[in-house]
PDB file of N, CA and C in Angstrom:
ATOM      1  N   MET A   1     -15.584 -15.690  14.261  1.00  0.00           N
ATOM      2  CA  MET A   1     -14.819 -15.109  13.172  1.00  0.00           C
ATOM      3  C   MET A   1     -13.813 -16.156  12.679  1.00  0.00           C
ATOM      4  N   ASN A   2     -13.837 -16.413  11.379  1.00  0.00           N
ATOM      5  CA  ASN A   2     -12.892 -17.379  10.836  1.00  0.00           C
ATOM      6  C   ASN A   2     -11.554 -16.701  10.526  1.00  0.00           C
ATOM      7  N   SER A   3     -10.547 -17.515  10.215  1.00  0.00           N
ATOM      8  CA  SER A   3      -9.210 -16.974   9.994  1.00  0.00           C
ATOM      9  C   SER A   3      -9.133 -16.098   8.746  1.00  0.00           C
ATOM     10  N   PHE A   4      -9.907 -16.427   7.716  1.00  0.00           N
ATOM     11  CA  PHE A   4      -9.888 -15.632   6.489  1.00  0.00           C
ATOM     12  C   PHE A   4     -10.337 -14.198   6.771  1.00  0.00           C
ATOM     13  N   ARG A   5     -11.425 -14.065   7.492  1.00  0.00           N
ATOM     14  CA  ARG A   5     -11.936 -12.725   7.823  1.00  0.00           C
ATOM     15  C   ARG A   5     -10.970 -11.992   8.756  1.00  0.00           C
ATOM     16  N   PHE A   6     -10.402 -12.719   9.719  1.00  0.00           N
ATOM     17  CA  PHE A   6      -9.450 -12.113  10.648  1.00  0.00           C
ATOM     18  C   PHE A   6      -8.243 -11.536   9.906  1.00  0.00           C
ATOM     19  N   PHE A   7      -7.669 -12.312   8.972  1.00  0.00           N
ATOM     20  CA  PHE A   7      -6.492 -11.837   8.249  1.00  0.00           C
ATOM     21  C   PHE A   7      -6.833 -10.709   7.281  1.00  0.00           C
ATOM     22  N   ASN A   8      -8.045 -10.681   6.757  1.00  0.00           N
ATOM     23  CA  ASN A   8      -8.456  -9.554   5.924  1.00  0.00           C
ATOM     24  C   ASN A   8      -8.594  -8.278   6.744  1.00  0.00           C
ATOM     25  N   ILE A   9      -9.175  -8.381   7.934  1.00  0.00           N
ATOM     26  CA  ILE A   9      -9.303  -7.214   8.819  1.00  0.00           C
ATOM     27  C   ILE A   9      -7.924  -6.754   9.272  1.00  0.00           C
ATOM     28  N   LEU A  10      -7.083  -7.708   9.620  1.00  0.00           N
ATOM     29  CA  LEU A  10      -5.718  -7.385  10.044  1.00  0.00           C
ATOM     30  C   LEU A  10      -4.954  -6.683   8.922  1.00  0.00           C
ATOM     31  N   GLY A  11      -5.058  -7.198   7.697  1.00  0.00           N
ATOM     32  CA  GLY A  11      -4.383  -6.582   6.551  1.00  0.00           C
ATOM     33  C   GLY A  11      -4.908  -5.187   6.260  1.00  0.00           C
ATOM     34  N   ALA A  12      -6.221  -5.015   6.346  1.00  0.00           N
ATOM     35  CA  ALA A  12      -6.800  -3.692   6.104  1.00  0.00           C
ATOM     36  C   ALA A  12      -6.296  -2.685   7.132  1.00  0.00           C
ATOM     37  N   ALA A  13      -6.262  -3.075   8.393  1.00  0.00           N
ATOM     38  CA  ALA A  13      -5.760  -2.174   9.436  1.00  0.00           C
ATOM     39  C   ALA A  13      -4.277  -1.884   9.233  1.00  0.00           C
ATOM     40  N   LEU A  14      -3.510  -2.896   8.911  1.00  0.00           N
ATOM     41  CA  LEU A  14      -2.071  -2.742   8.718  1.00  0.00           C
ATOM     42  C   LEU A  14      -1.761  -1.811   7.553  1.00  0.00           C
ATOM     43  N   PHE A  15      -2.358  -2.061   6.399  1.00  0.00           N
ATOM     44  CA  PHE A  15      -2.051  -1.251   5.228  1.00  0.00           C
ATOM     45  C   PHE A  15      -2.658   0.147   5.307  1.00  0.00           C
ATOM     46  N   THR A  16      -3.753   0.316   6.013  1.00  0.00           N
ATOM     47  CA  THR A  16      -4.291   1.658   6.232  1.00  0.00           C
ATOM     48  C   THR A  16      -3.340   2.475   7.092  1.00  0.00           C
ATOM     49  N   GLY A  17      -2.807   1.861   8.135  1.00  0.00           N
ATOM     50  CA  GLY A  17      -1.837   2.543   8.994  1.00  0.00           C
ATOM     51  C   GLY A  17      -0.569   2.912   8.254  1.00  0.00           C
ATOM     52  N   ILE A  18      -0.075   1.993   7.439  1.00  0.00           N
ATOM     53  CA  ILE A  18       1.131   2.276   6.663  1.00  0.00           C
ATOM     54  C   ILE A  18       0.857   3.395   5.655  1.00  0.00           C
ATOM     55  N   ALA A  19      -0.306   3.364   5.008  1.00  0.00           N
ATOM     56  CA  ALA A  19      -0.656   4.413   4.045  1.00  0.00           C
ATOM     57  C   ALA A  19      -0.738   5.772   4.723  1.00  0.00           C
ATOM     58  N   LEU A  20      -1.327   5.821   5.894  1.00  0.00           N
ATOM     59  CA  LEU A  20      -1.414   7.075   6.635  1.00  0.00           C
ATOM     60  C   LEU A  20      -0.024   7.578   7.005  1.00  0.00           C
ATOM     61  N   GLN A  21       0.836   6.676   7.444  1.00  0.00           N
ATOM     62  CA  GLN A  21       2.199   7.064   7.814  1.00  0.00           C
ATOM     63  C   GLN A  21       2.970   7.568   6.588  1.00  0.00           C
ATOM     64  N   VAL A  22       2.835   6.903   5.459  1.00  0.00           N
ATOM     65  CA  VAL A  22       3.503   7.340   4.236  1.00  0.00           C
ATOM     66  C   VAL A  22       3.005   8.719   3.826  1.00  0.00           C
ATOM     67  N   PHE A  23       1.702   8.938   3.891  1.00  0.00           N
ATOM     68  CA  PHE A  23       1.127  10.224   3.507  1.00  0.00           C
ATOM     69  C   PHE A  23       1.616  11.348   4.415  1.00  0.00           C
ATOM     70  N   ILE A  24       1.716  11.082   5.701  1.00  0.00           N
ATOM     71  CA  ILE A  24       2.131  12.115   6.652  1.00  0.00           C
ATOM     72  C   ILE A  24       3.620  12.412   6.554  1.00  0.00           C
ATOM     73  N   GLN A  25       4.451  11.374   6.371  1.00  0.00           N
ATOM     74  CA  GLN A  25       5.893  11.557   6.504  1.00  0.00           C
ATOM     75  C   GLN A  25       6.653  11.728   5.198  1.00  0.00           C
ATOM     76  N   THR A  26       6.026  11.525   4.049  1.00  0.00           N
ATOM     77  CA  THR A  26       6.754  11.594   2.791  1.00  0.00           C
ATOM     78  C   THR A  26       6.721  13.007   2.230  1.00  0.00           C
ATOM     79  N   ASP A  27       7.907  13.496   1.851  1.00  0.00           N
ATOM     80  CA  ASP A  27       8.025  14.818   1.234  1.00  0.00           C
ATOM     81  C   ASP A  27       8.138  14.651  -0.270  1.00  0.00           C
ATOM     82  N   GLY A  28       7.405  15.428  -1.002  1.00  0.00           N
ATOM     83  CA  GLY A  28       7.490  15.424  -2.460  1.00  0.00           C
ATOM     84  C   GLY A  28       6.512  14.462  -3.103  1.00  0.00           C
ATOM     85  N   ALA A  29       5.986  14.893  -4.229  1.00  0.00           N
ATOM     86  CA  ALA A  29       4.977  14.092  -4.933  1.00  0.00           C
ATOM     87  C   ALA A  29       5.578  12.834  -5.536  1.00  0.00           C
ATOM     88  N   LYS A  30       6.817  12.910  -6.008  1.00  0.00           N
ATOM     89  CA  LYS A  30       7.441  11.740  -6.637  1.00  0.00           C
ATOM     90  C   LYS A  30       7.623  10.611  -5.627  1.00  0.00           C
ATOM     91  N   LYS A  31       8.136  10.935  -4.461  1.00  0.00           N
ATOM     92  CA  LYS A  31       8.338   9.907  -3.435  1.00  0.00           C
ATOM     93  C   LYS A  31       7.006   9.378  -2.911  1.00  0.00           C
ATOM     94  N   LEU A  32       6.021  10.243  -2.823  1.00  0.00           N
ATOM     95  CA  LEU A  32       4.700   9.811  -2.376  1.00  0.00           C
ATOM     96  C   LEU A  32       4.080   8.858  -3.394  1.00  0.00           C
ATOM     97  N   THR A  33       4.254   9.150  -4.679  1.00  0.00           N
ATOM     98  CA  THR A  33       3.739   8.276  -5.730  1.00  0.00           C
ATOM     99  C   THR A  33       4.442   6.923  -5.708  1.00  0.00           C
ATOM    100  N   GLU A  34       5.772   6.935  -5.594  1.00  0.00           N
ATOM    101  CA  GLU A  34       6.524   5.682  -5.550  1.00  0.00           C
ATOM    102  C   GLU A  34       6.139   4.846  -4.337  1.00  0.00           C
ATOM    103  N   SER A  35       6.021   5.488  -3.197  1.00  0.00           N
ATOM    104  CA  SER A  35       5.629   4.777  -1.981  1.00  0.00           C
ATOM    105  C   SER A  35       4.206   4.244  -2.097  1.00  0.00           C
ATOM    106  N   GLY A  36       3.318   5.037  -2.688  1.00  0.00           N
ATOM    107  CA  GLY A  36       1.934   4.607  -2.867  1.00  0.00           C
ATOM    108  C   GLY A  36       1.813   3.412  -3.793  1.00  0.00           C
ATOM    109  N   ILE A  37       2.591   3.411  -4.876  1.00  0.00           N
ATOM    110  CA  ILE A  37       2.566   2.276  -5.798  1.00  0.00           C
ATOM    111  C   ILE A  37       3.086   1.027  -5.105  1.00  0.00           C
ATOM    112  N   PHE A  38       4.182   1.146  -4.376  1.00  0.00           N
ATOM    113  CA  PHE A  38       4.734   0.003  -3.651  1.00  0.00           C
ATOM    114  C   PHE A  38       3.738  -0.519  -2.620  1.00  0.00           C
ATOM    115  N   LEU A  39       3.106   0.378  -1.903  1.00  0.00           N
ATOM    116  CA  LEU A  39       2.130  -0.020  -0.890  1.00  0.00           C
ATOM    117  C   LEU A  39       0.918  -0.694  -1.524  1.00  0.00           C
ATOM    118  N   THR A  40       0.455  -0.185  -2.643  1.00  0.00           N
ATOM    119  CA  THR A  40      -0.690  -0.779  -3.332  1.00  0.00           C
ATOM    120  C   THR A  40      -0.367  -2.187  -3.830  1.00  0.00           C
ATOM    121  N   VAL A  41       0.794  -2.346  -4.432  1.00  0.00           N
ATOM    122  CA  VAL A  41       1.206  -3.674  -4.915  1.00  0.00           C
ATOM    123  C   VAL A  41       1.358  -4.634  -3.741  1.00  0.00           C
ATOM    124  N   SER A  42       1.937  -4.168  -2.650  1.00  0.00           N
ATOM    125  CA  SER A  42       2.108  -5.018  -1.469  1.00  0.00           C
ATOM    126  C   SER A  42       0.760  -5.435  -0.891  1.00  0.00           C
ATOM    127  N   ALA A  43      -0.175  -4.505  -0.823  1.00  0.00           N
ATOM    128  CA  ALA A  43      -1.502  -4.826  -0.292  1.00  0.00           C
ATOM    129  C   ALA A  43      -2.232  -5.818  -1.191  1.00  0.00           C
ATOM    130  N   LEU A  44      -2.169  -5.606  -2.499  1.00  0.00           N
ATOM    131  CA  LEU A  44      -2.808  -6.540  -3.428  1.00  0.00           C
ATOM    132  C   LEU A  44      -2.195  -7.928  -3.319  1.00  0.00           C
ATOM    133  N   LEU A  45      -0.882  -7.994  -3.206  1.00  0.00           N
ATOM    134  CA  LEU A  45      -0.204  -9.279  -3.045  1.00  0.00           C
ATOM    135  C   LEU A  45      -0.613  -9.948  -1.738  1.00  0.00           C
ATOM    136  N   TYR A  46      -0.711  -9.187  -0.664  1.00  0.00           N
ATOM    137  CA  TYR A  46      -1.122  -9.737   0.621  1.00  0.00           C
ATOM    138  C   TYR A  46      -2.529 -10.336   0.544  1.00  0.00           C
ATOM    139  N   PHE A  47      -3.468  -9.565   0.000  1.00  0.00           N
ATOM    140  CA  PHE A  47      -4.849 -10.053  -0.058  1.00  0.00           C
ATOM    141  C   PHE A  47      -4.996 -11.212  -1.044  1.00  0.00           C
ATOM    142  N   ALA A  48      -4.230 -11.200  -2.134  1.00  0.00           N
ATOM    143  CA  ALA A  48      -4.262 -12.329  -3.070  1.00  0.00           C
ATOM    144  C   ALA A  48      -3.717 -13.594  -2.406  1.00  0.00           C
ATOM    145  N   LEU A  49      -2.620 -13.472  -1.677  1.00  0.00           N
ATOM    146  CA  LEU A  49      -2.050 -14.636  -0.992  1.00  0.00           C
ATOM    147  C   LEU A  49      -2.963 -15.126   0.126  1.00  0.00           C
ATOM    148  N   THR A  50      -3.636 -14.216   0.804  1.00  0.00           N
ATOM    149  CA  THR A  50      -4.604 -14.620   1.829  1.00  0.00           C
ATOM    150  C   THR A  50      -5.749 -15.401   1.210  1.00  0.00           C
ATOM    151  N   PHE A  51      -6.249 -14.928   0.062  1.00  0.00           N
ATOM    152  CA  PHE A  51      -7.330 -15.618  -0.637  1.00  0.00           C
ATOM    153  C   PHE A  51      -6.882 -16.993  -1.122  1.00  0.00           C
ATOM    154  N   ILE A  52      -5.688 -17.055  -1.699  1.00  0.00           N
ATOM    155  CA  ILE A  52      -5.166 -18.335  -2.194  1.00  0.00           C
ATOM    156  C   ILE A  52      -4.952 -19.306  -1.049  1.00  0.00           C
ATOM    157  N   PHE A  53      -4.432 -18.825   0.073  1.00  0.00           N
ATOM    158  CA  PHE A  53      -4.219 -19.697   1.229  1.00  0.00           C
ATOM    159  C   PHE A  53      -5.547 -20.269   1.729  1.00  0.00           C
ATOM    160  N   HIS A  54      -6.576 -19.438   1.707  1.00  0.00           N
ATOM    161  CA  HIS A  54      -7.892 -19.889   2.167  1.00  0.00           C
ATOM    162  C   HIS A  54      -8.488 -20.916   1.207  1.00  0.00           C
ATOM    163  N   LYS A  55      -8.287 -20.743  -0.089  1.00  0.00           N
ATOM    164  CA  LYS A  55      -8.887 -21.635  -1.083  1.00  0.00           C
ATOM    165  C   LYS A  55      -8.076 -22.915  -1.298  1.00  0.00           C
ATOM    166  N   SER A  56      -6.743 -22.796  -1.379  1.00  0.00           N
ATOM    167  CA  SER A  56      -5.924 -23.958  -1.715  1.00  0.00           C
ATOM    168  C   SER A  56      -4.551 -23.844  -1.075  1.00  0.00           C
ATOM    169  N   LYS A  57      -4.337 -24.583  -0.021  1.00  0.00           N
ATOM    170  CA  LYS A  57      -3.036 -24.552   0.649  1.00  0.00           C
ATOM    171  C   LYS A  57      -1.964 -25.230  -0.197  1.00  0.00           C
ATOM    172  N   ASN A  58      -2.362 -26.123  -1.108  1.00  0.00           N
ATOM    173  CA  ASN A  58      -1.391 -26.781  -1.982  1.00  0.00           C
ATOM    174  C   ASN A  58      -0.801 -25.818  -3.004  1.00  0.00           C
ATOM    175  N   LEU A  59      -1.516 -24.789  -3.367  1.00  0.00           N
ATOM    176  CA  LEU A  59      -1.023 -23.785  -4.295  1.00  0.00           C
ATOM    177  C   LEU A  59      -0.245 -22.689  -3.562  1.00  0.00           C
ATOM    178  N   PHE A  60      -0.552 -22.479  -2.305  1.00  0.00           N
ATOM    179  CA  PHE A  60       0.056 -21.397  -1.532  1.00  0.00           C
ATOM    180  C   PHE A  60       1.558 -21.601  -1.351  1.00  0.00           C
ATOM    181  N   VAL A  61       1.975 -22.802  -1.019  1.00  0.00           N
ATOM    182  CA  VAL A  61       3.389 -23.073  -0.737  1.00  0.00           C
ATOM    183  C   VAL A  61       4.266 -22.841  -1.977  1.00  0.00           C
ATOM    184  N   PRO A  62       3.907 -23.357  -3.156  1.00  0.00           N
ATOM    185  CA  PRO A  62       4.745 -23.043  -4.327  1.00  0.00           C
ATOM    186  C   PRO A  62       4.767 -21.549  -4.676  1.00  0.00           C
ATOM    187  N   LEU A  63       3.642 -20.867  -4.493  1.00  0.00           N
ATOM    188  CA  LEU A  63       3.632 -19.424  -4.756  1.00  0.00           C
ATOM    189  C   LEU A  63       4.552 -18.675  -3.796  1.00  0.00           C
ATOM    190  N   MET A  64       4.565 -19.084  -2.549  1.00  0.00           N
ATOM    191  CA  MET A  64       5.472 -18.453  -1.583  1.00  0.00           C
ATOM    192  C   MET A  64       6.927 -18.739  -1.941  1.00  0.00           C
ATOM    193  N   ALA A  65       7.208 -19.941  -2.429  1.00  0.00           N
ATOM    194  CA  ALA A  65       8.572 -20.275  -2.850  1.00  0.00           C
ATOM    195  C   ALA A  65       9.007 -19.388  -4.014  1.00  0.00           C
ATOM    196  N   VAL A  66       8.127 -19.176  -4.977  1.00  0.00           N
ATOM    197  CA  VAL A  66       8.439 -18.294  -6.109  1.00  0.00           C
ATOM    198  C   VAL A  66       8.643 -16.864  -5.621  1.00  0.00           C
ATOM    199  N   LEU A  67       7.795 -16.409  -4.712  1.00  0.00           N
ATOM    200  CA  LEU A  67       7.931 -15.059  -4.164  1.00  0.00           C
ATOM    201  C   LEU A  67       9.261 -14.890  -3.430  1.00  0.00           C
ATOM    202  N   VAL A  68       9.667 -15.894  -2.678  1.00  0.00           N
ATOM    203  CA  VAL A  68      10.954 -15.843  -1.974  1.00  0.00           C
ATOM    204  C   VAL A  68      12.105 -15.772  -2.968  1.00  0.00           C
ATOM    205  N   LEU A  69      12.061 -16.602  -4.008  1.00  0.00           N
ATOM    206  CA  LEU A  69      13.131 -16.586  -5.013  1.00  0.00           C
ATOM    207  C   LEU A  69      13.191 -15.263  -5.756  1.00  0.00           C
ATOM    208  N   LEU A  70      12.037 -14.704  -6.099  1.00  0.00           N
ATOM    209  CA  LEU A  70      12.013 -13.397  -6.756  1.00  0.00           C
ATOM    210  C   LEU A  70      12.549 -12.301  -5.839  1.00  0.00           C
ATOM    211  N   SER A  71      12.205 -12.374  -4.569  1.00  0.00           N
ATOM    212  CA  SER A  71      12.681 -11.365  -3.617  1.00  0.00           C
ATOM    213  C   SER A  71      14.193 -11.435  -3.454  1.00  0.00           C
ATOM    214  N   ILE A  72      14.713 -12.639  -3.331  1.00  0.00           N
ATOM    215  CA  ILE A  72      16.166 -12.793  -3.207  1.00  0.00           C
ATOM    216  C   ILE A  72      16.851 -12.363  -4.499  1.00  0.00           C
ATOM    217  N   GLY A  73      16.256 -12.704  -5.631  1.00  0.00           N
ATOM    218  CA  GLY A  73      16.826 -12.287  -6.909  1.00  0.00           C
ATOM    219  C   GLY A  73      16.855 -10.778  -7.071  1.00  0.00           C
ATOM    220  N   MET A  74      15.842 -10.095  -6.590  1.00  0.00           N
ATOM    221  CA  MET A  74      15.786  -8.636  -6.711  1.00  0.00           C
ATOM    222  C   MET A  74      16.848  -7.946  -5.862  1.00  0.00           C
ATOM    223  N   ILE A  75      17.329  -8.621  -4.834  1.00  0.00           N
ATOM    224  CA  ILE A  75      18.428  -8.044  -4.048  1.00  0.00           C
ATOM    225  C   ILE A  75      19.635  -7.817  -4.944  1.00  0.00           C
ATOM    226  N   PHE A  76      19.893  -8.790  -5.806  1.00  0.00           N
ATOM    227  CA  PHE A  76      21.069  -8.717  -6.661  1.00  0.00           C
ATOM    228  C   PHE A  76      20.799  -8.009  -7.991  1.00  0.00           C
ATOM    229  N   LEU A  77      19.547  -8.000  -8.442  1.00  0.00           N
ATOM    230  CA  LEU A  77      19.235  -7.428  -9.750  1.00  0.00           C
ATOM    231  C   LEU A  77      18.614  -6.035  -9.688  1.00  0.00           C
ATOM    232  N   GLN A  78      18.431  -5.490  -8.501  1.00  0.00           N
ATOM    233  CA  GLN A  78      17.737  -4.204  -8.401  1.00  0.00           C
ATOM    234  C   GLN A  78      18.486  -3.087  -9.113  1.00  0.00           C
ATOM    235  N   GLU A  79      19.808  -3.150  -9.141  1.00  0.00           N
ATOM    236  CA  GLU A  79      20.562  -2.101  -9.831  1.00  0.00           C
ATOM    237  C   GLU A  79      20.331  -2.181 -11.337  1.00  0.00           C
ATOM    238  N   LEU A  80      20.226  -3.383 -11.878  1.00  0.00           N
ATOM    239  CA  LEU A  80      19.965  -3.533 -13.322  1.00  0.00           C
ATOM    240  C   LEU A  80      18.527  -3.123 -13.671  1.00  0.00           C
ATOM    241  N   VAL A  81      17.594  -3.489 -12.803  1.00  0.00           N
ATOM    242  CA  VAL A  81      16.188  -3.209 -13.073  1.00  0.00           C
ATOM    243  C   VAL A  81      15.852  -1.737 -12.897  1.00  0.00           C
ATOM    244  N   PHE A  82      16.303  -1.152 -11.786  1.00  0.00           N
ATOM    245  CA  PHE A  82      15.929   0.223 -11.459  1.00  0.00           C
ATOM    246  C   PHE A  82      17.006   1.238 -11.795  1.00  0.00           C
ATOM    247  N   GLY A  83      18.216   0.783 -12.049  1.00  0.00           N
ATOM    248  CA  GLY A  83      19.316   1.693 -12.389  1.00  0.00           C
ATOM    249  C   GLY A  83      19.866   2.408 -11.193  1.00  0.00           C
ATOM    250  N   GLY A  84      21.120   2.712 -11.236  1.00  0.00           N
ATOM    251  CA  GLY A  84      21.751   3.464 -10.155  1.00  0.00           C
ATOM    252  C   GLY A  84      21.920   2.675  -8.889  1.00  0.00           C
ATOM    253  N   GLY A  85      22.646   3.255  -7.975  1.00  0.00           N
ATOM    254  CA  GLY A  85      22.873   2.635  -6.670  1.00  0.00           C
ATOM    255  C   GLY A  85      21.925   3.203  -5.637  1.00  0.00           C
ATOM    256  N   HIS A  86      22.238   2.965  -4.421  1.00  0.00           N
ATOM    257  CA  HIS A  86      21.391   3.437  -3.329  1.00  0.00           C
ATOM    258  C   HIS A  86      21.525   4.901  -3.254  1.00  0.00           C
TER     259      HIS A  86
END
């Protein structure tokens, strides 16, 4: 088994477990929808980054740097983007 297949199986198991946990523990359709959208985007990002890492490691590092900067930026901009506080 190569690393690409291993990480795809690992990701599928991980996101299936998280999806099951979200479905079981979330109350209300709105929160379930929001959690489902976040989980879907996270899974797509994971599998896209796994594919990119397998195809081109030179492209993977800059993409991870952009993802880190966007994540740090969202810490400070989440109130402007999503409105309201915690």
